[in-house]
Amino acid sequence: MANVGDSRAYLIRRHGSRDNAMVQISADHTYEHLVAGAKEVPNLPQKLARFLDGRDDGRSADLTPLHLHPGDRVLLCSDGLSSYVPHEQIRAVLDSDGNPGDIADQLVALAIDQGGHDNVTVIIIDVAPALELRHPER
């Protein structure tokens, strides 16, 4: 997975049990999250500290290897979701049954209903079991 900026990725392991934990698997690249003791710094800007802008100075995304298993669900989202919908509410919707498109629609609707005025982008990935390919007899 590649990540830069303030969009987020979450992973939830769904192996048939309820109350599955949702883990943020990306890092926010805002001053608030990158500066030690940020809560004590007066007037710290709510801005991105790291982003891709086409310069040749070596800026790059974080690369995180993921080991996914059948049943895992991954959420990729913009801050239009994560800044407006509480973590537990996102987890509850993400852990519910339904196809990825319906889950994404529910999360976008929640963000808009809760005052999201930024862009709200949501992608849901469900990890399916590997398919066994069979070759027809020749």
Protein backbone atom coordinates (compact mmCIF):
# COMPACT_ATOMS: atom_id res chain seq x y z
CA MET A 1 0.00 0.00 0.00
CA ALA A 2 1.24 3.50 -0.77
CA ASN A 3 0.10 6.47 1.30
CA VAL A 4 0.86 10.17 1.45
CA GLY A 5 -1.13 13.09 2.82
CA ASP A 6 -4.17 12.84 5.06
CA SER A 7 -6.17 10.12 3.37
CA ARG A 8 -6.37 6.98 5.45
CA ALA A 9 -6.42 3.22 5.12
CA TYR A 10 -8.03 0.91 7.66
CA LEU A 11 -8.05 -2.87 7.93
CA ILE A 12 -10.67 -5.01 9.61
CA ARG A 13 -10.24 -8.75 9.90
CA ARG A 14 -13.64 -10.36 9.42
CA HIS A 15 -13.47 -14.07 10.16
CA GLY A 16 -17.07 -14.69 11.17
CA SER A 17 -17.00 -13.10 14.62
CA ARG A 18 -18.45 -9.78 15.66
CA ASP A 19 -16.62 -6.87 17.34
CA ASN A 20 -13.68 -7.19 15.00
CA ALA A 21 -10.99 -4.59 15.60
CA MET A 22 -10.39 -1.92 12.98
CA VAL A 23 -6.78 -0.81 12.67
CA GLN A 24 -5.51 2.28 10.87
CA ILE A 25 -2.76 1.01 8.56
CA SER A 26 -1.60 4.37 7.20
CA ALA A 27 0.01 7.40 8.81
CA ASP A 28 -1.39 10.92 8.56
CA HIS A 29 1.15 13.38 7.21
CA THR A 30 -0.21 16.48 8.91
CA TYR A 31 1.72 18.69 11.32
CA GLU A 32 -0.62 17.58 14.11
CA HIS A 33 0.42 13.94 13.68
CA LEU A 34 4.09 14.46 12.82
CA VAL A 35 5.21 17.04 15.41
CA ALA A 36 6.09 15.66 18.85
CA GLY A 37 3.98 17.35 21.52
CA ALA A 38 1.76 18.94 18.86
CA LYS A 39 -1.09 19.51 21.31
CA GLU A 40 1.10 21.92 23.29
CA VAL A 41 2.19 23.95 20.24
CA PRO A 42 0.08 27.10 19.94
CA ASN A 43 -1.33 27.92 16.51
CA LEU A 44 0.03 24.79 14.84
CA PRO A 45 -1.44 24.86 11.33
CA GLN A 46 -3.89 22.13 10.37
CA LYS A 47 -2.02 21.58 7.13
CA LEU A 48 -0.33 18.78 5.33
CA ALA A 49 3.34 18.44 6.16
CA ARG A 50 4.02 15.88 3.45
CA PHE A 51 2.47 15.51 0.03
CA LEU A 52 3.42 14.74 -3.55
CA ASP A 53 3.82 17.82 -5.70
CA GLY A 54 5.99 16.72 -8.63
CA ARG A 55 9.26 18.11 -7.29
CA ASP A 56 12.52 16.23 -7.76
CA ASP A 57 13.60 16.54 -4.10
CA GLY A 58 12.88 12.95 -3.14
CA ARG A 59 9.40 13.25 -1.64
CA SER A 60 7.67 9.92 -1.78
CA ALA A 61 4.77 8.00 -0.36
CA ASP A 62 5.03 5.61 2.58
CA LEU A 63 5.08 2.04 1.32
CA THR A 64 3.53 -0.53 3.64
CA PRO A 65 3.47 -4.24 2.83
CA LEU A 66 0.13 -5.81 3.68
CA HIS A 67 -0.53 -9.47 4.30
CA LEU A 68 -4.21 -9.84 3.59
CA HIS A 69 -6.36 -12.89 4.28
CA PRO A 70 -9.70 -14.03 2.87
CA GLY A 71 -12.43 -12.20 4.76
CA ASP A 72 -10.35 -9.06 5.37
CA ARG A 73 -11.95 -5.75 4.48
CA VAL A 74 -9.86 -2.68 3.66
CA LEU A 75 -11.19 0.88 3.71
CA LEU A 76 -9.40 3.63 1.79
CA CYS A 77 -10.88 7.05 2.53
CA SER A 78 -10.28 10.75 2.35
CA ASP A 79 -10.37 13.00 5.39
CA GLY A 80 -13.90 13.92 4.33
CA LEU A 81 -14.92 10.69 6.06
CA SER A 82 -12.34 10.25 8.83
CA SER A 83 -12.63 13.86 10.07
CA TYR A 84 -16.42 13.80 10.42
CA VAL A 85 -17.48 10.27 11.35
CA PRO A 86 -16.29 8.79 14.66
CA HIS A 87 -13.92 5.82 14.47
CA GLU A 88 -16.38 3.44 16.17
CA GLN A 89 -19.18 4.40 13.80
CA ILE A 90 -16.92 3.74 10.80
CA ARG A 91 -15.94 0.37 12.31
CA ALA A 92 -19.56 -0.66 12.89
CA VAL A 93 -20.52 0.06 9.27
CA LEU A 94 -17.34 -1.49 7.90
CA ASP A 95 -17.94 -4.67 9.94
CA SER A 96 -21.55 -5.03 8.82
CA ASP A 97 -22.68 -7.45 6.14
CA GLY A 98 -23.15 -6.09 2.68
CA ASN A 99 -21.34 -5.65 -0.56
CA PRO A 100 -18.49 -3.13 -0.78
CA GLY A 101 -20.50 -0.67 -2.89
CA ASP A 102 -23.36 -0.51 -0.38
CA ILE A 103 -20.93 -0.13 2.55
CA ALA A 104 -19.14 2.70 0.74
CA ASP A 105 -22.46 4.45 0.04
CA GLN A 106 -23.43 4.18 3.73
CA LEU A 107 -20.13 5.72 4.85
CA VAL A 108 -20.39 8.60 2.37
CA ALA A 109 -23.98 9.29 3.52
CA LEU A 110 -22.83 9.32 7.17
CA ALA A 111 -20.06 11.80 6.42
CA ILE A 112 -22.43 14.14 4.58
CA ASP A 113 -25.11 13.82 7.29
CA GLN A 114 -22.52 14.69 9.96
CA GLY A 115 -21.44 17.90 8.28
CA GLY A 116 -18.68 16.70 5.96
CA HIS A 117 -17.95 19.64 3.70
CA ASP A 118 -14.65 18.36 2.33
CA ASN A 119 -14.55 15.78 -0.45
CA VAL A 120 -15.74 12.38 0.76
CA THR A 121 -14.00 9.54 -1.05
CA VAL A 122 -14.47 5.93 0.05
CA ILE A 123 -13.16 2.70 -1.46
CA ILE A 124 -13.92 -0.68 0.11
CA ILE A 125 -11.90 -3.77 -0.77
CA ASP A 126 -13.08 -7.23 0.27
CA VAL A 127 -10.43 -9.93 0.09
CA ALA A 128 -11.85 -13.10 -1.44
CA PRO A 129 -10.40 -16.59 -1.34
CA ALA A 130 -8.01 -17.41 -4.16
CA LEU A 131 -9.64 -18.90 -7.21
CA GLU A 132 -8.48 -22.27 -8.39
CA LEU A 133 -7.92 -22.10 -12.13
CA ARG A 134 -8.59 -25.28 -14.03
CA HIS A 135 -7.44 -25.83 -17.54
CA PRO A 136 -9.81 -27.69 -19.83
CA GLU A 137 -8.61 -31.07 -20.95
CA ARG A 138 -6.86 -30.85 -24.29
